[in-house]
Amino acid sequence: MEQLTHIGLNHYLTISAFLLGFGLFAVMTRKNAIVILMGVELILNAANINFLAFSKYNGDMAGVMFSLFVIVLAAAEAAIALAIVINIFKLFRSVDVSSIDTLKE
């Protein structure tokens, strides 16, 4: 009595929609810069799941190439954004984005 389950395109899209929702929630409601960056990463991962799912079901490699590009982009974004957050913390002693309201020349 072996039950086989088939993971279809709608399963991938559902997971991707949940990740996108969680990422948007983190970006829109949080004030901590690190949590906002984590939300952006969730949004990028949701896009990656969509690219890979459609690539699998269309039988081409374009989605895989786009996904690799997004991974490289996310790594560069994380490195640059964390450097900016560290500099903001050195200057303001906080990573709360609502308390950072002055610009220096």
N, C-alpha and C. Protein backbone atom coordinates (compact mmCIF):
# COMPACT_ATOMS: atom_id res chain seq x y z
N MET A 1 0.82 -1.17 0.00
CA MET A 1 0.00 0.00 0.00
C MET A 1 0.88 1.25 0.00
N GLU A 2 1.53 1.45 -1.09
CA GLU A 2 2.44 2.58 -1.22
C GLU A 2 1.71 3.76 -1.85
N GLN A 3 1.77 4.86 -1.16
CA GLN A 3 1.09 6.05 -1.66
C GLN A 3 2.13 7.00 -2.25
N LEU A 4 1.97 7.32 -3.51
CA LEU A 4 2.89 8.23 -4.18
C LEU A 4 2.28 9.62 -4.21
N THR A 5 3.09 10.58 -3.89
CA THR A 5 2.61 11.96 -3.97
C THR A 5 3.36 12.66 -5.10
N HIS A 6 2.63 13.43 -5.83
CA HIS A 6 3.21 14.18 -6.94
C HIS A 6 3.24 15.66 -6.56
N ILE A 7 4.41 16.23 -6.60
CA ILE A 7 4.54 17.65 -6.31
C ILE A 7 4.40 18.40 -7.62
N GLY A 8 3.34 19.16 -7.71
CA GLY A 8 3.04 19.88 -8.94
C GLY A 8 3.47 21.33 -8.87
N LEU A 9 3.20 22.02 -9.95
CA LEU A 9 3.57 23.43 -10.07
C LEU A 9 2.87 24.27 -9.01
N ASN A 10 1.62 23.93 -8.71
CA ASN A 10 0.88 24.72 -7.72
C ASN A 10 1.49 24.62 -6.33
N HIS A 11 2.15 23.52 -6.01
CA HIS A 11 2.83 23.41 -4.72
C HIS A 11 4.00 24.39 -4.63
N TYR A 12 4.79 24.44 -5.69
CA TYR A 12 5.91 25.39 -5.72
C TYR A 12 5.42 26.84 -5.64
N LEU A 13 4.37 27.13 -6.37
CA LEU A 13 3.85 28.50 -6.37
C LEU A 13 3.25 28.88 -5.02
N THR A 14 2.67 27.92 -4.32
CA THR A 14 2.13 28.19 -2.99
C THR A 14 3.25 28.50 -2.00
N ILE A 15 4.30 27.70 -2.03
CA ILE A 15 5.46 27.96 -1.15
C ILE A 15 6.06 29.32 -1.47
N SER A 16 6.18 29.62 -2.75
CA SER A 16 6.73 30.90 -3.17
C SER A 16 5.86 32.06 -2.71
N ALA A 17 4.54 31.90 -2.78
CA ALA A 17 3.63 32.96 -2.34
C ALA A 17 3.76 33.20 -0.84
N PHE A 18 3.91 32.12 -0.07
CA PHE A 18 4.11 32.28 1.38
C PHE A 18 5.41 33.01 1.68
N LEU A 19 6.49 32.64 0.99
CA LEU A 19 7.77 33.32 1.20
C LEU A 19 7.69 34.78 0.81
N LEU A 20 7.02 35.07 -0.29
CA LEU A 20 6.85 36.46 -0.71
C LEU A 20 6.04 37.24 0.33
N GLY A 21 4.99 36.64 0.85
CA GLY A 21 4.18 37.30 1.87
C GLY A 21 4.96 37.57 3.15
N PHE A 22 5.72 36.57 3.61
CA PHE A 22 6.53 36.76 4.81
C PHE A 22 7.60 37.83 4.59
N GLY A 23 8.21 37.83 3.41
CA GLY A 23 9.22 38.84 3.10
C GLY A 23 8.64 40.24 3.05
N LEU A 24 7.50 40.39 2.40
CA LEU A 24 6.84 41.70 2.36
C LEU A 24 6.42 42.16 3.75
N PHE A 25 5.93 41.23 4.56
CA PHE A 25 5.55 41.56 5.93
C PHE A 25 6.76 42.06 6.71
N ALA A 26 7.91 41.40 6.55
CA ALA A 26 9.12 41.80 7.27
C ALA A 26 9.60 43.17 6.81
N VAL A 27 9.55 43.42 5.51
CA VAL A 27 10.03 44.70 4.99
C VAL A 27 9.11 45.84 5.41
N MET A 28 7.81 45.61 5.39
CA MET A 28 6.85 46.68 5.64
C MET A 28 6.65 47.00 7.13
N THR A 29 6.81 46.02 8.00
CA THR A 29 6.44 46.24 9.40
C THR A 29 7.61 46.40 10.35
N ARG A 30 8.77 45.99 9.99
CA ARG A 30 9.90 46.01 10.93
C ARG A 30 10.70 47.28 10.80
N LYS A 31 11.36 47.65 11.90
CA LYS A 31 12.21 48.84 11.90
C LYS A 31 13.69 48.49 11.97
N ASN A 32 14.00 47.25 12.27
CA ASN A 32 15.38 46.83 12.36
C ASN A 32 15.92 46.57 10.96
N ALA A 33 17.07 47.16 10.65
CA ALA A 33 17.63 47.05 9.30
C ALA A 33 18.01 45.62 8.95
N ILE A 34 18.47 44.84 9.91
CA ILE A 34 18.85 43.45 9.64
C ILE A 34 17.62 42.63 9.25
N VAL A 35 16.51 42.84 9.96
CA VAL A 35 15.28 42.10 9.66
C VAL A 35 14.73 42.52 8.29
N ILE A 36 14.87 43.78 7.94
CA ILE A 36 14.44 44.24 6.62
C ILE A 36 15.27 43.56 5.53
N LEU A 37 16.57 43.44 5.75
CA LEU A 37 17.42 42.74 4.78
C LEU A 37 17.04 41.27 4.67
N MET A 38 16.68 40.65 5.78
CA MET A 38 16.23 39.26 5.73
C MET A 38 14.93 39.13 4.95
N GLY A 39 14.06 40.13 5.06
CA GLY A 39 12.82 40.14 4.29
C GLY A 39 13.09 40.24 2.80
N VAL A 40 14.07 41.07 2.43
CA VAL A 40 14.44 41.20 1.02
C VAL A 40 14.99 39.87 0.51
N GLU A 41 15.76 39.18 1.32
CA GLU A 41 16.29 37.87 0.92
C GLU A 41 15.16 36.86 0.73
N LEU A 42 14.14 36.91 1.58
CA LEU A 42 12.99 36.02 1.41
C LEU A 42 12.27 36.30 0.09
N ILE A 43 12.14 37.57 -0.25
CA ILE A 43 11.49 37.94 -1.51
C ILE A 43 12.31 37.41 -2.70
N LEU A 44 13.62 37.55 -2.64
CA LEU A 44 14.46 37.05 -3.72
C LEU A 44 14.40 35.52 -3.81
N ASN A 45 14.31 34.84 -2.67
CA ASN A 45 14.19 33.38 -2.70
C ASN A 45 12.84 32.94 -3.27
N ALA A 46 11.79 33.72 -3.01
CA ALA A 46 10.50 33.42 -3.61
C ALA A 46 10.58 33.52 -5.13
N ALA A 47 11.28 34.53 -5.62
CA ALA A 47 11.47 34.67 -7.07
C ALA A 47 12.27 33.49 -7.62
N ASN A 48 13.29 33.06 -6.88
CA ASN A 48 14.08 31.91 -7.32
C ASN A 48 13.24 30.65 -7.43
N ILE A 49 12.36 30.42 -6.47
CA ILE A 49 11.51 29.23 -6.53
C ILE A 49 10.61 29.29 -7.75
N ASN A 50 10.08 30.47 -8.05
CA ASN A 50 9.25 30.61 -9.26
C ASN A 50 10.06 30.32 -10.52
N PHE A 51 11.25 30.89 -10.62
CA PHE A 51 12.10 30.65 -11.78
C PHE A 51 12.38 29.16 -11.96
N LEU A 52 12.74 28.49 -10.87
CA LEU A 52 13.09 27.07 -10.97
C LEU A 52 11.87 26.20 -11.26
N ALA A 53 10.74 26.55 -10.67
CA ALA A 53 9.53 25.76 -10.91
C ALA A 53 9.09 25.85 -12.37
N PHE A 54 9.06 27.06 -12.91
CA PHE A 54 8.66 27.20 -14.31
C PHE A 54 9.70 26.61 -15.25
N SER A 55 10.97 26.66 -14.85
CA SER A 55 12.01 26.06 -15.66
C SER A 55 11.83 24.54 -15.71
N LYS A 56 11.46 23.95 -14.56
CA LYS A 56 11.26 22.50 -14.51
C LYS A 56 10.08 22.08 -15.36
N TYR A 57 8.99 22.83 -15.28
CA TYR A 57 7.78 22.42 -15.99
C TYR A 57 7.77 22.85 -17.45
N ASN A 58 8.63 23.78 -17.84
CA ASN A 58 8.75 24.13 -19.26
C ASN A 58 9.84 23.33 -19.95
N GLY A 59 10.74 22.75 -19.18
CA GLY A 59 11.79 21.92 -19.75
C GLY A 59 12.95 22.69 -20.33
N ASP A 60 13.13 23.95 -19.94
CA ASP A 60 14.26 24.71 -20.45
C ASP A 60 15.18 25.11 -19.29
N MET A 61 16.30 25.71 -19.64
CA MET A 61 17.28 26.10 -18.63
C MET A 61 17.29 27.60 -18.35
N ALA A 62 16.38 28.34 -18.93
CA ALA A 62 16.37 29.79 -18.74
C ALA A 62 16.09 30.15 -17.29
N GLY A 63 15.18 29.45 -16.65
CA GLY A 63 14.87 29.72 -15.25
C GLY A 63 16.04 29.45 -14.34
N VAL A 64 16.82 28.43 -14.65
CA VAL A 64 18.00 28.11 -13.84
C VAL A 64 19.03 29.23 -13.98
N MET A 65 19.20 29.73 -15.18
CA MET A 65 20.16 30.82 -15.40
C MET A 65 19.72 32.10 -14.67
N PHE A 66 18.43 32.42 -14.75
CA PHE A 66 17.92 33.58 -14.02
C PHE A 66 18.10 33.37 -12.52
N SER A 67 17.87 32.16 -12.04
CA SER A 67 18.01 31.87 -10.62
C SER A 67 19.45 32.05 -10.16
N LEU A 68 20.39 31.59 -10.95
CA LEU A 68 21.80 31.79 -10.60
C LEU A 68 22.16 33.27 -10.58
N PHE A 69 21.62 34.02 -11.52
CA PHE A 69 21.85 35.46 -11.55
C PHE A 69 21.29 36.12 -10.28
N VAL A 70 20.10 35.71 -9.86
CA VAL A 70 19.49 36.27 -8.65
C VAL A 70 20.29 35.90 -7.41
N ILE A 71 20.85 34.70 -7.36
CA ILE A 71 21.67 34.29 -6.22
C ILE A 71 22.92 35.16 -6.14
N VAL A 72 23.57 35.41 -7.27
CA VAL A 72 24.75 36.28 -7.28
C VAL A 72 24.36 37.70 -6.87
N LEU A 73 23.25 38.17 -7.38
CA LEU A 73 22.76 39.50 -7.02
C LEU A 73 22.45 39.60 -5.53
N ALA A 74 21.85 38.56 -4.97
CA ALA A 74 21.52 38.56 -3.54
C ALA A 74 22.77 38.54 -2.67
N ALA A 75 23.79 37.82 -3.10
CA ALA A 75 25.04 37.79 -2.34
C ALA A 75 25.71 39.16 -2.35
N ALA A 76 25.73 39.80 -3.50
CA ALA A 76 26.31 41.15 -3.58
C ALA A 76 25.50 42.14 -2.77
N GLU A 77 24.18 42.03 -2.84
CA GLU A 77 23.30 42.93 -2.07
C GLU A 77 23.51 42.74 -0.58
N ALA A 78 23.66 41.51 -0.14
CA ALA A 78 23.86 41.25 1.29
C ALA A 78 25.19 41.82 1.77
N ALA A 79 26.24 41.65 0.98
CA ALA A 79 27.55 42.17 1.38
C ALA A 79 27.55 43.69 1.47
N ILE A 80 27.00 44.35 0.47
CA ILE A 80 26.97 45.82 0.46
C ILE A 80 26.04 46.35 1.54
N ALA A 81 24.88 45.74 1.68
CA ALA A 81 23.91 46.21 2.68
C ALA A 81 24.43 46.02 4.10
N LEU A 82 25.10 44.92 4.37
CA LEU A 82 25.65 44.72 5.71
C LEU A 82 26.77 45.71 6.00
N ALA A 83 27.57 46.05 4.99
CA ALA A 83 28.59 47.07 5.19
C ALA A 83 27.95 48.42 5.51
N ILE A 84 26.87 48.75 4.82
CA ILE A 84 26.16 50.00 5.11
C ILE A 84 25.57 49.98 6.50
N VAL A 85 24.98 48.85 6.91
CA VAL A 85 24.39 48.74 8.25
C VAL A 85 25.47 48.87 9.32
N ILE A 86 26.62 48.30 9.10
CA ILE A 86 27.71 48.43 10.08
C ILE A 86 28.14 49.88 10.21
N ASN A 87 28.26 50.58 9.09
CA ASN A 87 28.62 52.00 9.16
C ASN A 87 27.54 52.84 9.82
N ILE A 88 26.28 52.52 9.58
CA ILE A 88 25.19 53.23 10.24
C ILE A 88 25.23 52.98 11.74
N PHE A 89 25.52 51.74 12.13
CA PHE A 89 25.60 51.43 13.56
C PHE A 89 26.76 52.18 14.21
N LYS A 90 27.88 52.29 13.52
CA LYS A 90 29.01 53.05 14.07
C LYS A 90 28.65 54.51 14.28
N LEU A 91 27.89 55.07 13.37
CA LEU A 91 27.54 56.48 13.43
C LEU A 91 26.41 56.78 14.42
N PHE A 92 25.34 55.98 14.38
CA PHE A 92 24.14 56.28 15.16
C PHE A 92 23.97 55.40 16.39
N ARG A 93 24.77 54.36 16.55
CA ARG A 93 24.66 53.40 17.64
C ARG A 93 23.29 52.72 17.68
N SER A 94 22.69 52.54 16.50
CA SER A 94 21.40 51.87 16.38
C SER A 94 21.23 51.40 14.96
N VAL A 95 20.49 50.31 14.78
CA VAL A 95 20.14 49.86 13.44
C VAL A 95 18.65 50.04 13.19
N ASP A 96 18.01 50.85 14.02
CA ASP A 96 16.60 51.18 13.85
C ASP A 96 16.48 52.20 12.73
N VAL A 97 15.80 51.82 11.65
CA VAL A 97 15.75 52.69 10.47
C VAL A 97 14.93 53.95 10.70
N SER A 98 14.05 53.96 11.68
CA SER A 98 13.27 55.17 11.93
C SER A 98 14.07 56.22 12.69
N SER A 99 15.14 55.81 13.36
CA SER A 99 15.94 56.79 14.10
C SER A 99 17.04 57.40 13.23
N ILE A 100 17.22 56.92 12.04
CA ILE A 100 18.24 57.44 11.14
C ILE A 100 17.57 58.45 10.22
N ASP A 101 17.63 59.72 10.59
CA ASP A 101 16.94 60.72 9.80
C ASP A 101 17.82 61.91 9.45
N THR A 102 19.09 61.84 9.74
CA THR A 102 19.98 62.95 9.39
C THR A 102 20.97 62.50 8.33
N LEU A 103 21.31 63.42 7.47
CA LEU A 103 22.31 63.16 6.44
C LEU A 103 23.53 64.01 6.73
N LYS A 104 24.68 63.43 6.61
CA LYS A 104 25.92 64.18 6.79
C LYS A 104 26.52 64.49 5.43
N GLU A 105 27.20 65.61 5.36
CA GLU A 105 27.85 65.97 4.10
C GLU A 105 29.25 65.41 4.05
